[in-house]
Amino acid sequence: MEVTDAVVLAPQDDQSATAMEVEGPTSNLDAESQLAQLQNLLAASEQEQEQEHLEDQVQQLAVQPKDAQQEVEKVRSNGVAELFAEYNRVLCSLIEAHELNQQLKAKNLALIEELQTRRLRSSGSDSIYLCTL
């Protein structure tokens, strides 16, 4: 068995390089088999690098409790928390006003209906009086 070529797979990080000895192909099947082996090794190496990259990203995105507390303090110091609290107060007031408006609308419709059924007469002509609250 004579070695005619050597393929060196060099990773992009500080890991040691992997060498694979390749015999000279004796047939097309041997060459295709060796090519498939090399492709599998390359795919495995790329997959490993991708996995390491994803693990690094997960570590970077992980929020530590101390970091979260610092962010909360930063927001409070910028006054955003106060603005948000004021926004909530205004929103609650608007909701209450809307509910009151709906109640007044319902009362007004009931009054209109009642007045239409009674038909108050004033000075000889039919008039409907609307009461405003």
Protein backbone atom coordinates (compact mmCIF):
# COMPACT_ATOMS: atom_id res chain seq x y z
CA MET A 1 0.00 0.00 0.00
CA GLU A 2 1.63 3.21 -1.12
CA VAL A 3 0.61 6.68 0.10
CA THR A 4 0.36 9.11 -2.75
CA ASP A 5 -1.47 12.07 -1.22
CA ALA A 6 -2.19 13.50 2.21
CA VAL A 7 -5.14 15.69 3.06
CA VAL A 8 -4.86 18.00 6.05
CA LEU A 9 -8.06 19.38 7.56
CA ALA A 10 -7.17 22.56 9.40
CA PRO A 11 -9.85 23.91 11.75
CA GLN A 12 -10.40 27.65 12.02
CA ASP A 13 -9.80 27.80 15.76
CA ASP A 14 -6.81 26.73 17.87
CA GLN A 15 -7.49 22.99 17.65
CA SER A 16 -4.80 20.79 16.20
CA ALA A 17 -5.03 19.90 12.53
CA THR A 18 -6.24 16.44 11.54
CA ALA A 19 -4.37 14.57 8.83
CA MET A 20 -5.89 11.80 6.79
CA GLU A 21 -3.82 9.68 4.52
CA VAL A 22 -5.37 8.99 1.16
CA GLU A 23 -4.24 6.16 -1.02
CA GLY A 24 -4.07 6.64 -4.71
CA PRO A 25 -7.38 5.50 -6.14
CA THR A 26 -7.28 2.12 -7.82
CA SER A 27 -10.75 2.54 -9.31
CA ASN A 28 -13.57 5.02 -9.63
CA LEU A 29 -15.37 3.34 -6.71
CA ASP A 30 -12.34 3.86 -4.46
CA ALA A 31 -12.10 7.51 -5.49
CA GLU A 32 -15.83 8.04 -4.91
CA SER A 33 -15.62 6.31 -1.54
CA GLN A 34 -12.68 8.48 -0.49
CA LEU A 35 -14.47 11.59 -1.74
CA ALA A 36 -17.55 10.63 0.29
CA GLN A 37 -15.37 10.12 3.39
CA LEU A 38 -13.77 13.52 2.94
CA GLN A 39 -17.16 15.16 2.43
CA ASN A 40 -18.48 13.48 5.57
CA LEU A 41 -15.47 14.68 7.56
CA LEU A 42 -15.91 18.19 6.20
CA ALA A 43 -19.64 18.18 7.01
CA ALA A 44 -18.94 16.91 10.54
CA SER A 45 -16.31 19.61 11.06
CA GLU A 46 -18.67 22.33 9.80
CA GLN A 47 -21.48 21.03 11.99
CA GLU A 48 -19.21 21.05 15.03
CA GLN A 49 -18.11 24.61 14.30
CA GLU A 50 -21.75 25.69 13.87
CA GLN A 51 -22.66 24.03 17.19
CA GLU A 52 -19.82 25.86 18.94
CA HIS A 53 -20.91 29.14 17.33
CA LEU A 54 -24.50 28.61 18.53
CA GLU A 55 -23.31 27.77 22.04
CA ASP A 56 -21.26 30.98 22.07
CA GLN A 57 -24.32 32.97 21.00
CA VAL A 58 -26.42 31.38 23.74
CA GLN A 59 -23.80 32.35 26.30
CA GLN A 60 -23.74 35.93 25.02
CA LEU A 61 -27.53 36.20 25.12
CA ALA A 62 -27.91 34.71 28.58
CA VAL A 63 -28.99 37.39 31.05
CA GLN A 64 -27.53 37.22 34.48
CA PRO A 65 -29.67 38.47 37.41
CA LYS A 66 -27.06 41.11 38.21
CA ASP A 67 -27.24 42.41 34.63
CA ALA A 68 -31.03 42.51 34.77
CA GLN A 69 -30.94 44.51 38.01
CA GLN A 70 -28.50 46.97 36.44
CA GLU A 71 -30.86 47.40 33.49
CA VAL A 72 -33.78 48.09 35.84
CA GLU A 73 -31.74 50.70 37.67
CA LYS A 74 -30.72 52.30 34.38
CA VAL A 75 -34.37 52.55 33.28
CA ARG A 76 -35.40 54.04 36.61
CA SER A 77 -32.60 56.57 36.47
CA ASN A 78 -33.67 57.67 32.99
CA GLY A 79 -37.20 58.42 34.17
CA VAL A 80 -38.78 55.89 31.84
CA ALA A 81 -40.42 54.12 34.76
CA GLU A 82 -42.10 57.36 35.83
CA LEU A 83 -43.33 57.97 32.30
CA PHE A 84 -44.70 54.46 32.09
CA ALA A 85 -46.49 54.85 35.43
CA GLU A 86 -48.04 58.13 34.23
CA TYR A 87 -49.08 56.46 30.99
CA ASN A 88 -50.81 53.72 33.00
CA ARG A 89 -52.63 56.31 35.13
CA VAL A 90 -53.85 58.16 32.05
CA LEU A 91 -54.90 54.92 30.39
CA CYS A 92 -56.91 53.91 33.47
CA SER A 93 -58.59 57.32 33.50
CA LEU A 94 -59.49 56.96 29.83
CA ILE A 95 -60.97 53.52 30.45
CA GLU A 96 -63.05 54.86 33.35
CA ALA A 97 -64.22 57.82 31.26
CA HIS A 98 -65.20 55.48 28.44
CA GLU A 99 -67.21 53.31 30.85
CA LEU A 100 -68.99 56.38 32.26
CA ASN A 101 -69.68 57.60 28.74
CA GLN A 102 -71.25 54.24 27.86
CA GLN A 103 -73.44 54.41 30.99
CA LEU A 104 -74.56 57.98 30.16
CA LYS A 105 -75.32 56.94 26.61
CA ALA A 106 -77.51 54.09 27.87
CA LYS A 107 -79.33 56.47 30.28
CA ASN A 108 -79.87 59.03 27.52
CA LEU A 109 -81.32 56.39 25.21
CA ALA A 110 -83.67 55.24 27.99
CA LEU A 111 -84.77 58.86 28.60
CA ILE A 112 -85.37 59.46 24.90
CA GLU A 113 -87.46 56.32 24.69
CA GLU A 114 -89.46 57.29 27.78
CA LEU A 115 -90.06 60.83 26.51
CA GLN A 116 -91.14 59.57 23.11
CA THR A 117 -93.76 57.35 24.72
CA ARG A 118 -95.13 60.14 26.99
CA ARG A 119 -95.19 62.96 24.44
CA LEU A 120 -95.16 65.96 26.73
CA ARG A 121 -97.37 68.73 25.48
CA SER A 122 -96.40 72.33 25.91
CA SER A 123 -98.34 75.36 24.64
CA GLY A 124 -100.51 73.31 22.33
CA SER A 125 -97.75 71.68 20.25
CA ASP A 126 -95.99 68.37 20.63
CA SER A 127 -92.48 68.83 21.99
CA ILE A 128 -89.89 66.41 23.24
CA TYR A 129 -87.56 67.70 25.91
CA LEU A 130 -84.19 66.07 26.37
CA CYS A 131 -82.61 66.31 29.76
CA THR A 132 -78.87 66.68 29.83
CA LEU A 133 -76.89 65.57 32.78
